[in-house]
N, C-alpha and C. Protein backbone atom coordinates (compact mmCIF):
# COMPACT_ATOMS: atom_id res chain seq x y z
N MET A 1 127.56 -7.90 -43.73
CA MET A 1 126.98 -6.77 -43.04
C MET A 1 126.75 -7.06 -41.56
N PHE A 2 126.60 -8.33 -41.21
CA PHE A 2 126.37 -8.66 -39.81
C PHE A 2 127.63 -9.16 -39.13
N LYS A 3 128.77 -8.93 -39.78
CA LYS A 3 130.05 -9.32 -39.20
C LYS A 3 130.51 -8.22 -38.25
N LYS A 4 131.33 -8.63 -37.30
CA LYS A 4 131.85 -7.69 -36.31
C LYS A 4 132.60 -6.52 -36.96
N GLU A 5 133.34 -6.81 -38.03
CA GLU A 5 134.12 -5.77 -38.73
C GLU A 5 133.22 -4.66 -39.27
N PHE A 6 132.03 -5.02 -39.74
CA PHE A 6 131.07 -4.04 -40.26
C PHE A 6 130.75 -2.99 -39.20
N TRP A 7 130.47 -3.44 -37.99
CA TRP A 7 130.10 -2.56 -36.89
C TRP A 7 131.32 -1.84 -36.32
N ASN A 8 132.45 -2.57 -36.20
CA ASN A 8 133.67 -1.96 -35.68
C ASN A 8 134.19 -0.85 -36.59
N SER A 9 134.08 -1.07 -37.89
CA SER A 9 134.52 -0.07 -38.86
C SER A 9 133.75 1.24 -38.67
N SER A 10 132.45 1.12 -38.47
CA SER A 10 131.63 2.31 -38.25
C SER A 10 131.97 2.96 -36.91
N ALA A 11 132.11 2.14 -35.88
CA ALA A 11 132.43 2.68 -34.55
C ALA A 11 133.79 3.38 -34.55
N SER A 12 134.73 2.88 -35.34
CA SER A 12 136.07 3.49 -35.37
C SER A 12 136.03 4.91 -35.94
N LYS A 13 135.02 5.22 -36.70
CA LYS A 13 134.89 6.57 -37.26
C LYS A 13 134.66 7.61 -36.15
N LEU A 14 134.19 7.15 -35.00
CA LEU A 14 133.97 8.06 -33.88
C LEU A 14 135.29 8.49 -33.23
N LYS A 15 136.39 7.86 -33.64
CA LYS A 15 137.72 8.22 -33.12
C LYS A 15 138.50 9.10 -34.10
N SER A 16 137.91 9.37 -35.24
CA SER A 16 138.58 10.13 -36.29
C SER A 16 138.06 11.57 -36.34
N VAL A 17 138.97 12.52 -36.26
CA VAL A 17 138.58 13.93 -36.33
C VAL A 17 137.89 14.22 -37.66
N LYS A 18 138.41 13.63 -38.74
CA LYS A 18 137.82 13.83 -40.07
C LYS A 18 136.35 13.41 -40.08
N TYR A 19 136.07 12.22 -39.56
CA TYR A 19 134.69 11.72 -39.59
C TYR A 19 133.81 12.43 -38.57
N LEU A 20 134.38 12.83 -37.43
CA LEU A 20 133.58 13.59 -36.46
C LEU A 20 133.19 14.95 -37.04
N ALA A 21 134.12 15.58 -37.75
CA ALA A 21 133.80 16.85 -38.41
C ALA A 21 132.72 16.65 -39.47
N LEU A 22 132.85 15.58 -40.24
CA LEU A 22 131.85 15.26 -41.26
C LEU A 22 130.49 14.99 -40.62
N MET A 23 130.50 14.28 -39.49
CA MET A 23 129.26 14.02 -38.77
C MET A 23 128.64 15.34 -38.31
N GLY A 24 129.45 16.26 -37.83
CA GLY A 24 128.94 17.57 -37.42
C GLY A 24 128.28 18.32 -38.56
N VAL A 25 128.89 18.24 -39.74
CA VAL A 25 128.31 18.89 -40.93
C VAL A 25 126.96 18.25 -41.25
N PHE A 26 126.90 16.91 -41.22
CA PHE A 26 125.63 16.23 -41.50
C PHE A 26 124.57 16.57 -40.46
N ILE A 27 124.96 16.64 -39.20
CA ILE A 27 124.00 17.00 -38.15
C ILE A 27 123.41 18.39 -38.44
N ALA A 28 124.27 19.34 -38.75
CA ALA A 28 123.80 20.70 -39.06
C ALA A 28 122.88 20.70 -40.28
N LEU A 29 123.29 20.00 -41.34
CA LEU A 29 122.47 19.95 -42.55
C LEU A 29 121.12 19.29 -42.29
N LYS A 30 121.11 18.21 -41.50
CA LYS A 30 119.85 17.51 -41.22
C LYS A 30 118.93 18.36 -40.36
N ILE A 31 119.49 19.14 -39.44
CA ILE A 31 118.64 20.03 -38.62
C ILE A 31 118.01 21.10 -39.51
N VAL A 32 118.80 21.69 -40.39
CA VAL A 32 118.25 22.69 -41.33
C VAL A 32 117.20 22.04 -42.22
N ALA A 33 117.50 20.84 -42.76
CA ALA A 33 116.56 20.15 -43.64
C ALA A 33 115.26 19.80 -42.92
N SER A 34 115.35 19.54 -41.61
CA SER A 34 114.13 19.19 -40.86
C SER A 34 113.17 20.37 -40.75
N LYS A 35 113.68 21.57 -40.95
CA LYS A 35 112.83 22.77 -40.89
C LYS A 35 112.23 23.11 -42.26
N LEU A 36 112.73 22.47 -43.30
CA LEU A 36 112.25 22.72 -44.66
C LEU A 36 111.37 21.56 -45.11
N TYR A 37 110.08 21.72 -44.97
CA TYR A 37 109.16 20.65 -45.31
C TYR A 37 107.80 21.22 -45.70
N PHE A 38 107.00 20.35 -46.29
CA PHE A 38 105.62 20.68 -46.64
C PHE A 38 104.71 19.87 -45.73
N PRO A 39 103.89 20.51 -44.90
CA PRO A 39 103.00 19.75 -44.01
C PRO A 39 101.89 19.08 -44.81
N VAL A 40 101.60 17.83 -44.46
CA VAL A 40 100.52 17.09 -45.10
C VAL A 40 99.34 16.98 -44.14
N SER A 41 99.62 16.71 -42.87
CA SER A 41 98.60 16.65 -41.83
C SER A 41 99.27 16.88 -40.49
N GLU A 42 98.54 16.62 -39.40
CA GLU A 42 99.08 16.92 -38.07
C GLU A 42 100.39 16.19 -37.78
N ASN A 43 100.60 15.05 -38.38
CA ASN A 43 101.81 14.28 -38.09
C ASN A 43 102.57 13.85 -39.34
N LEU A 44 102.15 14.30 -40.50
CA LEU A 44 102.82 13.91 -41.75
C LEU A 44 103.37 15.15 -42.45
N LYS A 45 104.60 15.00 -42.94
CA LYS A 45 105.20 16.08 -43.70
C LYS A 45 106.08 15.50 -44.79
N VAL A 46 106.32 16.30 -45.82
CA VAL A 46 107.17 15.90 -46.93
C VAL A 46 108.44 16.74 -46.83
N GLY A 47 109.58 16.07 -46.74
CA GLY A 47 110.85 16.77 -46.62
C GLY A 47 111.95 16.04 -47.37
N PHE A 48 113.18 16.51 -47.19
CA PHE A 48 114.31 15.96 -47.93
C PHE A 48 115.40 15.41 -47.02
N GLY A 49 115.14 15.32 -45.74
CA GLY A 49 116.14 14.82 -44.80
C GLY A 49 116.57 13.39 -45.07
N PHE A 50 115.71 12.60 -45.68
CA PHE A 50 116.04 11.20 -45.97
C PHE A 50 117.25 11.10 -46.89
N VAL A 51 117.43 12.08 -47.78
CA VAL A 51 118.58 12.07 -48.70
C VAL A 51 119.87 12.22 -47.91
N LEU A 52 119.89 13.16 -46.98
CA LEU A 52 121.08 13.36 -46.15
C LEU A 52 121.36 12.14 -45.28
N LEU A 53 120.31 11.54 -44.74
CA LEU A 53 120.48 10.36 -43.90
C LEU A 53 121.04 9.19 -44.71
N ALA A 54 120.58 9.02 -45.93
CA ALA A 54 121.09 7.94 -46.79
C ALA A 54 122.56 8.16 -47.12
N ILE A 55 122.92 9.37 -47.49
CA ILE A 55 124.33 9.67 -47.81
C ILE A 55 125.20 9.49 -46.58
N GLU A 56 124.75 10.04 -45.47
CA GLU A 56 125.53 9.92 -44.23
C GLU A 56 125.71 8.46 -43.83
N SER A 57 124.66 7.67 -43.95
CA SER A 57 124.75 6.25 -43.59
C SER A 57 125.71 5.49 -44.49
N SER A 58 125.79 5.88 -45.75
CA SER A 58 126.72 5.21 -46.67
C SER A 58 128.17 5.55 -46.33
N ILE A 59 128.39 6.66 -45.66
CA ILE A 59 129.74 7.09 -45.29
C ILE A 59 130.11 6.64 -43.88
N LEU A 60 129.22 6.89 -42.92
CA LEU A 60 129.53 6.65 -41.51
C LEU A 60 129.16 5.26 -41.01
N GLY A 61 128.20 4.61 -41.65
CA GLY A 61 127.80 3.29 -41.22
C GLY A 61 126.81 3.31 -40.07
N PRO A 62 126.51 2.11 -39.52
CA PRO A 62 125.42 2.00 -38.56
C PRO A 62 125.68 2.60 -37.18
N VAL A 63 126.88 2.48 -36.66
CA VAL A 63 127.15 2.95 -35.30
C VAL A 63 127.27 4.48 -35.27
N ALA A 64 128.20 5.01 -36.05
CA ALA A 64 128.38 6.47 -36.09
C ALA A 64 127.14 7.15 -36.64
N GLY A 65 126.50 6.54 -37.64
CA GLY A 65 125.29 7.11 -38.22
C GLY A 65 124.14 7.15 -37.23
N ALA A 66 123.99 6.07 -36.44
CA ALA A 66 122.92 6.03 -35.44
C ALA A 66 123.15 7.08 -34.36
N LEU A 67 124.40 7.25 -33.94
CA LEU A 67 124.71 8.29 -32.95
C LEU A 67 124.39 9.67 -33.53
N SER A 68 124.74 9.88 -34.77
CA SER A 68 124.43 11.15 -35.43
C SER A 68 122.93 11.38 -35.48
N ALA A 69 122.16 10.32 -35.76
CA ALA A 69 120.70 10.44 -35.82
C ALA A 69 120.13 10.83 -34.46
N ILE A 70 120.67 10.24 -33.40
CA ILE A 70 120.21 10.56 -32.04
C ILE A 70 120.52 12.02 -31.71
N ILE A 71 121.75 12.43 -31.99
CA ILE A 71 122.15 13.82 -31.71
C ILE A 71 121.30 14.79 -32.53
N THR A 72 121.12 14.49 -33.81
CA THR A 72 120.33 15.37 -34.69
C THR A 72 118.91 15.54 -34.18
N ASP A 73 118.26 14.43 -33.84
CA ASP A 73 116.88 14.50 -33.41
C ASP A 73 116.74 15.30 -32.11
N ASN A 74 117.59 15.01 -31.15
CA ASN A 74 117.50 15.71 -29.86
C ASN A 74 117.90 17.18 -29.97
N LEU A 75 118.99 17.46 -30.65
CA LEU A 75 119.44 18.84 -30.82
C LEU A 75 118.41 19.64 -31.63
N GLY A 76 117.87 19.01 -32.69
CA GLY A 76 116.84 19.67 -33.49
C GLY A 76 115.61 20.01 -32.68
N PHE A 77 115.22 19.10 -31.78
CA PHE A 77 114.06 19.37 -30.93
C PHE A 77 114.35 20.52 -29.97
N PHE A 78 115.50 20.48 -29.32
CA PHE A 78 115.81 21.51 -28.32
C PHE A 78 116.11 22.87 -28.95
N LEU A 79 116.44 22.89 -30.23
CA LEU A 79 116.66 24.16 -30.93
C LEU A 79 115.37 24.71 -31.53
N GLY A 80 114.26 24.11 -31.18
CA GLY A 80 112.98 24.63 -31.65
C GLY A 80 112.25 23.69 -32.57
N GLY A 81 112.24 22.41 -32.20
CA GLY A 81 111.59 21.40 -33.02
C GLY A 81 110.08 21.51 -33.03
N GLY A 82 109.53 22.11 -32.00
CA GLY A 82 108.08 22.23 -31.90
C GLY A 82 107.46 20.90 -31.53
N GLY A 83 106.27 20.94 -31.03
CA GLY A 83 105.59 19.72 -30.66
C GLY A 83 106.08 19.14 -29.35
N VAL A 84 105.72 17.89 -29.14
CA VAL A 84 106.03 17.18 -27.91
C VAL A 84 107.27 16.33 -28.12
N TYR A 85 108.15 16.29 -27.11
CA TYR A 85 109.31 15.40 -27.22
C TYR A 85 108.84 13.97 -26.99
N PHE A 86 109.25 13.07 -27.86
CA PHE A 86 108.89 11.66 -27.75
C PHE A 86 110.07 10.84 -28.23
N ALA A 87 110.58 9.96 -27.38
CA ALA A 87 111.77 9.17 -27.70
C ALA A 87 111.56 8.27 -28.91
N GLY A 88 110.34 7.88 -29.18
CA GLY A 88 110.07 7.06 -30.36
C GLY A 88 110.48 7.76 -31.65
N TYR A 89 110.29 9.07 -31.66
CA TYR A 89 110.69 9.83 -32.85
C TYR A 89 112.21 9.91 -32.98
N THR A 90 112.93 9.66 -31.91
CA THR A 90 114.39 9.55 -31.99
C THR A 90 114.77 8.19 -32.55
N LEU A 91 114.02 7.17 -32.19
CA LEU A 91 114.30 5.82 -32.66
C LEU A 91 114.07 5.69 -34.17
N THR A 92 113.13 6.43 -34.71
CA THR A 92 112.81 6.33 -36.14
C THR A 92 114.01 6.61 -37.05
N PRO A 93 114.73 7.74 -36.91
CA PRO A 93 115.90 7.93 -37.78
C PRO A 93 117.03 6.95 -37.50
N VAL A 94 117.12 6.45 -36.27
CA VAL A 94 118.13 5.43 -35.96
C VAL A 94 117.83 4.17 -36.77
N LEU A 95 116.57 3.75 -36.78
CA LEU A 95 116.19 2.58 -37.59
C LEU A 95 116.45 2.82 -39.07
N ALA A 96 116.10 4.01 -39.54
CA ALA A 96 116.34 4.34 -40.95
C ALA A 96 117.83 4.29 -41.28
N CYS A 97 118.65 4.81 -40.38
CA CYS A 97 120.10 4.78 -40.57
C CYS A 97 120.60 3.34 -40.65
N LEU A 98 120.10 2.47 -39.79
CA LEU A 98 120.52 1.07 -39.81
C LEU A 98 120.15 0.41 -41.14
N VAL A 99 118.97 0.71 -41.64
CA VAL A 99 118.56 0.15 -42.93
C VAL A 99 119.48 0.66 -44.04
N TRP A 100 119.68 1.98 -44.12
CA TRP A 100 120.55 2.53 -45.16
C TRP A 100 121.95 1.95 -45.06
N SER A 101 122.46 1.84 -43.83
CA SER A 101 123.82 1.31 -43.64
C SER A 101 123.93 -0.13 -44.11
N CYS A 102 122.93 -0.94 -43.82
CA CYS A 102 122.96 -2.35 -44.23
C CYS A 102 123.05 -2.50 -45.75
N PHE A 103 122.52 -1.55 -46.48
CA PHE A 103 122.51 -1.66 -47.94
C PHE A 103 123.61 -0.85 -48.64
N LEU A 104 124.11 0.21 -47.99
CA LEU A 104 125.02 1.12 -48.69
C LEU A 104 126.41 1.27 -48.08
N TYR A 105 126.58 0.95 -46.81
CA TYR A 105 127.86 1.17 -46.15
C TYR A 105 128.85 0.05 -46.49
N LYS A 106 130.04 0.45 -46.92
CA LYS A 106 131.12 -0.49 -47.26
C LYS A 106 130.69 -1.48 -48.34
N GLN A 107 129.81 -1.05 -49.23
CA GLN A 107 129.31 -1.92 -50.29
C GLN A 107 129.21 -1.14 -51.59
N LYS A 108 129.07 -1.91 -52.66
CA LYS A 108 128.82 -1.29 -53.96
C LYS A 108 127.39 -0.75 -53.95
N ILE A 109 127.25 0.51 -54.28
CA ILE A 109 125.93 1.15 -54.31
C ILE A 109 125.29 0.87 -55.66
N THR A 110 124.07 0.33 -55.63
CA THR A 110 123.33 0.06 -56.86
C THR A 110 121.92 0.64 -56.74
N VAL A 111 121.27 0.77 -57.88
CA VAL A 111 119.89 1.27 -57.89
C VAL A 111 118.98 0.30 -57.13
N VAL A 112 119.19 -1.00 -57.31
CA VAL A 112 118.36 -1.99 -56.63
C VAL A 112 118.50 -1.86 -55.11
N LYS A 113 119.73 -1.66 -54.63
CA LYS A 113 119.94 -1.50 -53.18
C LYS A 113 119.26 -0.23 -52.67
N ILE A 114 119.33 0.83 -53.44
CA ILE A 114 118.66 2.07 -53.05
C ILE A 114 117.15 1.85 -52.99
N VAL A 115 116.60 1.17 -53.99
CA VAL A 115 115.16 0.90 -54.03
C VAL A 115 114.73 0.05 -52.83
N ILE A 116 115.46 -1.03 -52.56
CA ILE A 116 115.09 -1.92 -51.46
C ILE A 116 115.20 -1.20 -50.12
N ALA A 117 116.30 -0.47 -49.91
CA ALA A 117 116.47 0.25 -48.65
C ALA A 117 115.37 1.31 -48.47
N LYS A 118 115.05 2.02 -49.53
CA LYS A 118 114.01 3.05 -49.44
C LYS A 118 112.65 2.41 -49.21
N LEU A 119 112.40 1.26 -49.83
CA LEU A 119 111.14 0.54 -49.63
C LEU A 119 110.98 0.12 -48.17
N ILE A 120 112.04 -0.44 -47.59
CA ILE A 120 112.00 -0.85 -46.18
C ILE A 120 111.78 0.37 -45.29
N ASN A 121 112.51 1.44 -45.57
CA ASN A 121 112.35 2.66 -44.76
C ASN A 121 110.96 3.25 -44.92
N SER A 122 110.45 3.29 -46.14
CA SER A 122 109.12 3.88 -46.36
C SER A 122 108.03 3.04 -45.71
N LEU A 123 108.04 1.73 -45.98
CA LEU A 123 106.94 0.89 -45.51
C LEU A 123 107.07 0.48 -44.05
N PHE A 124 108.26 0.09 -43.63
CA PHE A 124 108.40 -0.37 -42.25
C PHE A 124 108.64 0.79 -41.28
N VAL A 125 109.71 1.54 -41.52
CA VAL A 125 110.08 2.59 -40.56
C VAL A 125 109.04 3.72 -40.57
N ASN A 126 108.74 4.26 -41.73
CA ASN A 126 107.82 5.40 -41.79
C ASN A 126 106.37 5.00 -41.52
N VAL A 127 105.89 3.96 -42.21
CA VAL A 127 104.47 3.62 -42.10
C VAL A 127 104.18 2.83 -40.83
N VAL A 128 104.81 1.68 -40.66
CA VAL A 128 104.49 0.81 -39.52
C VAL A 128 104.91 1.45 -38.20
N VAL A 129 106.18 1.82 -38.10
CA VAL A 129 106.68 2.37 -36.83
C VAL A 129 106.15 3.79 -36.61
N GLY A 130 106.19 4.63 -37.64
CA GLY A 130 105.70 6.00 -37.50
C GLY A 130 104.23 6.07 -37.11
N SER A 131 103.43 5.16 -37.65
CA SER A 131 102.00 5.13 -37.31
C SER A 131 101.79 4.72 -35.86
N LEU A 132 102.65 3.84 -35.37
CA LEU A 132 102.58 3.44 -33.96
C LEU A 132 102.85 4.64 -33.06
N TRP A 133 103.90 5.41 -33.37
CA TRP A 133 104.21 6.59 -32.56
C TRP A 133 103.05 7.59 -32.61
N SER A 134 102.50 7.82 -33.80
CA SER A 134 101.40 8.78 -33.93
C SER A 134 100.17 8.35 -33.15
N SER A 135 99.85 7.06 -33.21
CA SER A 135 98.67 6.59 -32.47
C SER A 135 98.88 6.70 -30.96
N MET A 136 100.12 6.52 -30.51
CA MET A 136 100.42 6.67 -29.08
C MET A 136 100.33 8.13 -28.64
N LEU A 137 100.74 9.05 -29.51
CA LEU A 137 100.79 10.46 -29.14
C LEU A 137 99.48 11.21 -29.36
N PHE A 138 98.81 10.91 -30.46
CA PHE A 138 97.68 11.75 -30.86
C PHE A 138 96.32 11.12 -30.59
N GLY A 139 96.29 9.89 -30.10
CA GLY A 139 95.05 9.31 -29.61
C GLY A 139 94.09 8.69 -30.61
N LYS A 140 94.35 8.82 -31.89
CA LYS A 140 93.48 8.16 -32.86
C LYS A 140 94.01 6.75 -33.08
N GLY A 141 93.20 5.90 -33.68
CA GLY A 141 93.58 4.51 -33.89
C GLY A 141 94.77 4.33 -34.82
N TYR A 142 95.46 3.23 -34.63
CA TYR A 142 96.64 2.91 -35.43
C TYR A 142 96.32 2.89 -36.92
N LEU A 143 95.19 2.28 -37.29
CA LEU A 143 94.83 2.17 -38.72
C LEU A 143 94.59 3.54 -39.37
N PHE A 144 94.12 4.49 -38.60
CA PHE A 144 93.92 5.85 -39.12
C PHE A 144 95.25 6.41 -39.60
N TYR A 145 96.28 6.34 -38.75
CA TYR A 145 97.60 6.87 -39.12
C TYR A 145 98.29 5.99 -40.14
N PHE A 146 98.09 4.69 -40.03
CA PHE A 146 98.70 3.76 -40.98
C PHE A 146 98.22 4.07 -42.40
N THR A 147 96.92 4.26 -42.56
CA THR A 147 96.34 4.52 -43.89
C THR A 147 96.89 5.82 -44.47
N LYS A 148 96.88 6.88 -43.69
CA LYS A 148 97.40 8.17 -44.17
C LYS A 148 98.88 8.07 -44.54
N SER A 149 99.64 7.43 -43.68
CA SER A 149 101.08 7.31 -43.91
C SER A 149 101.38 6.40 -45.10
N PHE A 150 100.61 5.34 -45.24
CA PHE A 150 100.81 4.42 -46.36
C PHE A 150 100.57 5.13 -47.69
N ILE A 151 99.50 5.89 -47.76
CA ILE A 151 99.18 6.63 -49.00
C ILE A 151 100.29 7.63 -49.31
N LYS A 152 100.68 8.42 -48.32
CA LYS A 152 101.73 9.42 -48.53
C LYS A 152 103.03 8.77 -48.98
N ASN A 153 103.47 7.74 -48.26
CA ASN A 153 104.74 7.09 -48.58
C ASN A 153 104.69 6.35 -49.91
N SER A 154 103.55 5.80 -50.26
CA SER A 154 103.41 5.11 -51.56
C SER A 154 103.51 6.10 -52.71
N LEU A 155 102.86 7.25 -52.56
CA LEU A 155 102.90 8.26 -53.62
C LEU A 155 104.30 8.86 -53.78
N LEU A 156 104.98 9.06 -52.67
CA LEU A 156 106.30 9.69 -52.72
C LEU A 156 107.43 8.72 -53.06
N PHE A 157 107.20 7.43 -52.89
CA PHE A 157 108.27 6.45 -53.06
C PHE A 157 109.02 6.57 -54.39
N PRO A 158 108.34 6.56 -55.54
CA PRO A 158 109.10 6.64 -56.79
C PRO A 158 109.86 7.96 -56.94
N ILE A 159 109.27 9.05 -56.48
CA ILE A 159 109.94 10.35 -56.57
C ILE A 159 111.19 10.36 -55.69
N GLU A 160 111.07 9.81 -54.49
CA GLU A 160 112.21 9.78 -53.57
C GLU A 160 113.32 8.88 -54.08
N VAL A 161 112.97 7.75 -54.69
CA VAL A 161 113.99 6.86 -55.25
C VAL A 161 114.73 7.56 -56.38
N ILE A 162 114.00 8.21 -57.27
CA ILE A 162 114.64 8.93 -58.38
C ILE A 162 115.57 10.02 -57.84
N LEU A 163 115.11 10.76 -56.84
CA LEU A 163 115.94 11.80 -56.23
C LEU A 163 117.21 11.20 -55.62
N LEU A 164 117.08 10.08 -54.93
CA LEU A 164 118.25 9.43 -54.32
C LEU A 164 119.25 8.98 -55.38
N VAL A 165 118.76 8.39 -56.46
CA VAL A 165 119.65 7.92 -57.53
C VAL A 165 120.38 9.11 -58.17
N ILE A 166 119.66 10.18 -58.41
CA ILE A 166 120.28 11.38 -58.99
C ILE A 166 121.36 11.93 -58.05
N VAL A 167 121.04 12.05 -56.78
CA VAL A 167 121.99 12.60 -55.81
C VAL A 167 123.21 11.69 -55.66
N PHE A 168 122.98 10.39 -55.55
CA PHE A 168 124.12 9.47 -55.42
C PHE A 168 124.98 9.48 -56.68
N ASN A 169 124.36 9.55 -57.84
CA ASN A 169 125.15 9.64 -59.08
C ASN A 169 125.98 10.92 -59.12
N ALA A 170 125.44 12.00 -58.57
CA ALA A 170 126.17 13.27 -58.57
C ALA A 170 127.29 13.29 -57.53
N LEU A 171 127.02 12.75 -56.34
CA LEU A 171 127.99 12.84 -55.25
C LEU A 171 128.96 11.67 -55.15
N ALA A 172 128.54 10.51 -55.59
CA ALA A 172 129.35 9.31 -55.37
C ALA A 172 130.76 9.39 -55.96
N PRO A 173 130.96 9.95 -57.15
CA PRO A 173 132.34 10.04 -57.65
C PRO A 173 133.24 10.86 -56.71
N VAL A 174 132.71 11.93 -56.16
CA VAL A 174 133.48 12.76 -55.23
C VAL A 174 133.73 11.99 -53.93
N LEU A 175 132.70 11.30 -53.46
CA LEU A 175 132.84 10.51 -52.23
C LEU A 175 133.85 9.38 -52.41
N LYS A 176 133.85 8.79 -53.60
CA LYS A 176 134.81 7.71 -53.88
C LYS A 176 136.23 8.26 -53.94
N ARG A 177 136.43 9.36 -54.64
CA ARG A 177 137.76 9.99 -54.72
C ARG A 177 138.28 10.38 -53.34
N SER A 178 137.37 10.81 -52.48
CA SER A 178 137.74 11.21 -51.12
C SER A 178 137.86 10.01 -50.18
N LYS A 179 137.64 8.82 -50.73
CA LYS A 179 137.71 7.56 -49.96
C LYS A 179 136.70 7.53 -48.81
N LEU A 180 135.53 8.11 -49.06
CA LEU A 180 134.47 8.11 -48.06
C LEU A 180 133.48 6.98 -48.27
N ILE A 181 133.45 6.41 -49.49
CA ILE A 181 132.60 5.25 -49.76
C ILE A 181 133.47 4.16 -50.36
N ASP A 182 132.93 2.97 -50.46
CA ASP A 182 133.65 1.80 -50.94
C ASP A 182 134.25 2.03 -52.33
N SER A 183 135.47 1.58 -52.50
CA SER A 183 136.20 1.82 -53.76
C SER A 183 135.67 0.98 -54.93
N SER A 184 134.82 -0.01 -54.66
CA SER A 184 134.28 -0.85 -55.74
C SER A 184 133.16 -0.16 -56.51
N ASN A 185 132.74 1.01 -56.07
CA ASN A 185 131.64 1.71 -56.73
C ASN A 185 132.04 2.23 -58.10
N THR A 186 131.10 2.08 -59.04
CA THR A 186 131.29 2.60 -60.40
C THR A 186 130.17 3.59 -60.70
N PHE A 187 130.41 4.46 -61.68
CA PHE A 187 129.42 5.50 -61.97
C PHE A 187 129.25 5.65 -63.45
N PRO A 188 128.03 5.84 -63.92
CA PRO A 188 126.83 5.99 -63.11
C PRO A 188 126.54 4.72 -62.32
N ILE A 189 125.74 4.88 -61.28
CA ILE A 189 125.41 3.76 -60.41
C ILE A 189 124.70 2.69 -61.23
N PRO A 190 125.20 1.44 -61.17
CA PRO A 190 124.56 0.37 -61.94
C PRO A 190 123.22 -0.05 -61.33
N TRP A 191 122.40 -0.70 -62.14
CA TRP A 191 121.11 -1.19 -61.64
C TRP A 191 121.30 -2.26 -60.59
N ILE A 192 122.20 -3.20 -60.88
CA ILE A 192 122.40 -4.33 -59.95
C ILE A 192 123.83 -4.36 -59.47
């Protein structure tokens, strides 16, 4: 995953009309998904965009996926994202994309990899990094946001993992036939 080929393979997708079109579809879907959420508090919401980001990262990889995350966040904000623009919130989906890519891009997708990637995204990206952005923007202490975010992400973690496994089991055969994910994948997705 840390070899030059891993990164070059993803970057090469930016030269393909097929993958650029697919990226455009994911950008549109993620913008729509970002508007469909349940608010929990001033800075916390429950949504389904993480599913699209995980699927996109498994197809496009870290470079193309990160660019897509940047475009999605900025375009979504300028199309009526509401709130204050903050570059940290652009960095958050980029980090999430990198995590998903490290576990799912050009690799055999397993339940364990989905669990580990989601755990890193939930605890590090959402809780640690997201709480930092919230404390910088909203003026309350870091621990205040950390506690709220930790509780929310801990409660949602098993539900989100189950949803991801269901979606990957449903989509992965089609993605494999279309040669969008690694050919070593078997279905249903194995545990290990």
